[in-house]
Amino acid sequence: MAHPTEEQIRKRAFELWEQAGKPEGREDEFWNQAQRELQGAEERGDLNKGTDI
C-alpha cells in the first residue's frame, strides 16, 4: 500500500495553515496533521478523492 506523497502532504499542510490564519512557527504541526489525515484517508480508500477531508 502506497503512502501519501510529499506533494500531497505539502498541499494539505498549506491548506491547514491558511485555514488557521497563517500562523508563524507551526509548520511541523500542520505537516504532521496533514500526514495523519492523508494516511487515514488512504486507509479508508479516499486518498484519490482530493484533499477535502
C-alpha atoms as a PDB file:
ATOM      1  CA  MET A   1       0.000   0.000   0.000  1.00  0.00           C
ATOM      2  CA  ALA A   2       1.450   3.359  -1.052  1.00  0.00           C
ATOM      3  CA  HIS A   3       1.700   6.235   1.371  1.00  0.00           C
ATOM      4  CA  PRO A   4       0.655   9.826   0.650  1.00  0.00           C
ATOM      5  CA  THR A   5       3.264  11.622  -1.423  1.00  0.00           C
ATOM      6  CA  GLU A   6       5.264  14.532  -0.083  1.00  0.00           C
ATOM      7  CA  GLU A   7       3.432  16.767  -2.569  1.00  0.00           C
ATOM      8  CA  GLN A   8       0.018  15.660  -1.253  1.00  0.00           C
ATOM      9  CA  ILE A   9       1.117  16.288   2.322  1.00  0.00           C
ATOM     10  CA  ARG A  10       2.583  19.682   1.414  1.00  0.00           C
ATOM     11  CA  LYS A  11      -0.630  20.813  -0.278  1.00  0.00           C
ATOM     12  CA  ARG A  12      -2.818  19.700   2.627  1.00  0.00           C
ATOM     13  CA  ALA A  13      -0.480  21.249   5.202  1.00  0.00           C
ATOM     14  CA  PHE A  14      -0.649  24.536   3.282  1.00  0.00           C
ATOM     15  CA  GLU A  15      -4.464  24.395   3.296  1.00  0.00           C
ATOM     16  CA  LEU A  16      -4.495  23.768   7.030  1.00  0.00           C
ATOM     17  CA  TRP A  17      -2.024  26.611   7.623  1.00  0.00           C
ATOM     18  CA  GLU A  18      -4.169  29.014   5.588  1.00  0.00           C
ATOM     19  CA  GLN A  19      -7.350  27.949   7.396  1.00  0.00           C
ATOM     20  CA  ALA A  20      -5.630  28.603  10.741  1.00  0.00           C
ATOM     21  CA  GLY A  21      -4.817  32.190   9.749  1.00  0.00           C
ATOM     22  CA  LYS A  22      -1.231  31.567   8.559  1.00  0.00           C
ATOM     23  CA  PRO A  23       0.434  31.445  11.983  1.00  0.00           C
ATOM     24  CA  GLU A  24       4.226  31.519  12.093  1.00  0.00           C
ATOM     25  CA  GLY A  25       6.338  28.784  13.633  1.00  0.00           C
ATOM     26  CA  ARG A  26       3.794  25.943  13.439  1.00  0.00           C
ATOM     27  CA  GLU A  27       4.930  24.304  10.201  1.00  0.00           C
ATOM     28  CA  ASP A  28       5.624  20.934  11.833  1.00  0.00           C
ATOM     29  CA  GLU A  29       2.189  20.891  13.447  1.00  0.00           C
ATOM     30  CA  PHE A  30       0.420  21.390  10.116  1.00  0.00           C
ATOM     31  CA  TRP A  31       2.706  18.930   8.311  1.00  0.00           C
ATOM     32  CA  ASN A  32       2.020  16.240  10.916  1.00  0.00           C
ATOM     33  CA  GLN A  33      -1.718  16.895  10.864  1.00  0.00           C
ATOM     34  CA  ALA A  34      -1.811  16.703   7.069  1.00  0.00           C
ATOM     35  CA  GLN A  35       0.181  13.491   7.097  1.00  0.00           C
ATOM     36  CA  ARG A  36      -2.176  11.903   9.651  1.00  0.00           C
ATOM     37  CA  GLU A  37      -5.268  12.985   7.700  1.00  0.00           C
ATOM     38  CA  LEU A  38      -3.972  11.672   4.398  1.00  0.00           C
ATOM     39  CA  GLN A  39      -2.841   8.383   5.885  1.00  0.00           C
ATOM     40  CA  GLY A  40      -6.285   7.975   7.407  1.00  0.00           C
ATOM     41  CA  ALA A  41      -7.890   8.787   4.054  1.00  0.00           C
ATOM     42  CA  GLU A  42      -5.653   6.219   2.394  1.00  0.00           C
ATOM     43  CA  GLU A  43      -6.728   3.555   4.873  1.00  0.00           C
ATOM     44  CA  ARG A  44     -10.372   4.363   4.089  1.00  0.00           C
ATOM     45  CA  GLY A  45      -9.653   4.362   0.344  1.00  0.00           C
ATOM     46  CA  ASP A  46     -10.293   8.114  -0.003  1.00  0.00           C
ATOM     47  CA  LEU A  47      -6.783   9.317  -0.934  1.00  0.00           C
ATOM     48  CA  ASN A  48      -7.505   9.928  -4.607  1.00  0.00           C
ATOM     49  CA  LYS A  49     -10.670  11.897  -3.898  1.00  0.00           C
ATOM     50  CA  GLY A  50      -8.741  15.103  -3.220  1.00  0.00           C
ATOM     51  CA  THR A  51      -7.771  16.817  -0.008  1.00  0.00           C
ATOM     52  CA  ASP A  52     -11.212  17.881   1.180  1.00  0.00           C
ATOM     53  CA  ILE A  53     -11.125  15.754   4.300  1.00  0.00           C
END
